[in-house]
Amino acid sequence: MIFNYILFLVLFIGGMVLLGIAHELPTMQAPVFVAGILAISLAMASAMHAPSTSTRRNP
């Protein structure tokens, strides 16, 4: 569970950093911007699909 949170945090913050530095680069602006969007999207998807025990029902 803590590993999922750390992975989410690293991907999310890393994606924000990539989006932030994309406009500063003289070349490769578009691929860095797209990589930032993909990193944030992957972080959000991993957070949504992470197994949770708070809503699990015991039969």
C-alpha atoms as a PDB file:
ATOM      1  CA  MET A   1       0.000   0.000   0.000  1.00  0.00           C
ATOM      2  CA  ILE A   2       2.758   2.460   0.845  1.00  0.00           C
ATOM      3  CA  PHE A   3       4.585   1.470  -2.346  1.00  0.00           C
ATOM      4  CA  ASN A   4       1.524   2.452  -4.408  1.00  0.00           C
ATOM      5  CA  TYR A   5       1.378   5.819  -2.679  1.00  0.00           C
ATOM      6  CA  ILE A   6       5.079   6.482  -3.272  1.00  0.00           C
ATOM      7  CA  LEU A   7       4.723   5.476  -6.931  1.00  0.00           C
ATOM      8  CA  PHE A   8       1.722   7.786  -7.317  1.00  0.00           C
ATOM      9  CA  LEU A   9       3.550  10.663  -5.665  1.00  0.00           C
ATOM     10  CA  VAL A  10       6.715  10.257  -7.747  1.00  0.00           C
ATOM     11  CA  LEU A  11       4.785  10.020 -11.012  1.00  0.00           C
ATOM     12  CA  PHE A  12       2.509  12.934 -10.168  1.00  0.00           C
ATOM     13  CA  ILE A  13       5.241  15.308  -8.988  1.00  0.00           C
ATOM     14  CA  GLY A  14       7.540  14.191 -11.803  1.00  0.00           C
ATOM     15  CA  GLY A  15       4.816  14.897 -14.347  1.00  0.00           C
ATOM     16  CA  MET A  16       4.264  18.351 -12.878  1.00  0.00           C
ATOM     17  CA  VAL A  17       7.997  19.052 -13.112  1.00  0.00           C
ATOM     18  CA  LEU A  18       8.060  17.899 -16.730  1.00  0.00           C
ATOM     19  CA  LEU A  19       5.133  20.158 -17.565  1.00  0.00           C
ATOM     20  CA  GLY A  20       6.848  23.036 -15.804  1.00  0.00           C
ATOM     21  CA  ILE A  21      10.162  22.750 -17.604  1.00  0.00           C
ATOM     22  CA  ALA A  22       8.717  21.986 -21.051  1.00  0.00           C
ATOM     23  CA  HIS A  23       8.400  25.629 -22.078  1.00  0.00           C
ATOM     24  CA  GLU A  24      11.975  26.415 -20.982  1.00  0.00           C
ATOM     25  CA  LEU A  25      13.657  23.878 -23.265  1.00  0.00           C
ATOM     26  CA  PRO A  26      14.977  25.116 -26.627  1.00  0.00           C
ATOM     27  CA  THR A  27      14.319  21.758 -28.275  1.00  0.00           C
ATOM     28  CA  MET A  28      12.152  18.739 -27.479  1.00  0.00           C
ATOM     29  CA  GLN A  29       9.364  20.840 -25.938  1.00  0.00           C
ATOM     30  CA  ALA A  30       6.505  18.741 -27.261  1.00  0.00           C
ATOM     31  CA  PRO A  31       7.854  15.303 -26.214  1.00  0.00           C
ATOM     32  CA  VAL A  32       8.634  16.564 -22.687  1.00  0.00           C
ATOM     33  CA  PHE A  33       5.161  18.093 -22.401  1.00  0.00           C
ATOM     34  CA  VAL A  34       3.514  14.888 -23.609  1.00  0.00           C
ATOM     35  CA  ALA A  35       5.676  12.838 -21.212  1.00  0.00           C
ATOM     36  CA  GLY A  36       4.457  15.048 -18.364  1.00  0.00           C
ATOM     37  CA  ILE A  37       0.833  14.541 -19.328  1.00  0.00           C
ATOM     38  CA  LEU A  38       1.364  10.782 -19.614  1.00  0.00           C
ATOM     39  CA  ALA A  39       3.113  10.628 -16.235  1.00  0.00           C
ATOM     40  CA  ILE A  40       0.269  12.470 -14.517  1.00  0.00           C
ATOM     41  CA  SER A  41      -2.302  10.287 -16.276  1.00  0.00           C
ATOM     42  CA  LEU A  42      -0.467   7.131 -15.238  1.00  0.00           C
ATOM     43  CA  ALA A  43      -0.285   8.368 -11.647  1.00  0.00           C
ATOM     44  CA  MET A  44      -4.008   9.031 -11.552  1.00  0.00           C
ATOM     45  CA  ALA A  45      -4.798   5.672 -13.155  1.00  0.00           C
ATOM     46  CA  SER A  46      -2.595   3.818 -10.679  1.00  0.00           C
ATOM     47  CA  ALA A  47      -4.307   5.601  -7.782  1.00  0.00           C
ATOM     48  CA  MET A  48      -7.771   4.712  -9.093  1.00  0.00           C
ATOM     49  CA  HIS A  49      -6.949   1.077  -9.761  1.00  0.00           C
ATOM     50  CA  ALA A  50      -5.040   0.445  -6.543  1.00  0.00           C
ATOM     51  CA  PRO A  51      -6.657  -2.212  -4.372  1.00  0.00           C
ATOM     52  CA  SER A  52      -8.408  -0.802  -1.369  1.00  0.00           C
ATOM     53  CA  THR A  53      -9.563  -2.540   1.774  1.00  0.00           C
ATOM     54  CA  SER A  54     -11.896   0.231   2.904  1.00  0.00           C
ATOM     55  CA  THR A  55     -14.790  -0.874   0.678  1.00  0.00           C
ATOM     56  CA  ARG A  56     -14.111  -4.599   0.607  1.00  0.00           C
ATOM     57  CA  ARG A  57     -16.973  -6.741   1.877  1.00  0.00           C
ATOM     58  CA  ASN A  58     -16.526 -10.006   3.689  1.00  0.00           C
ATOM     59  CA  PRO A  59     -19.050 -12.677   2.623  1.00  0.00           C
END
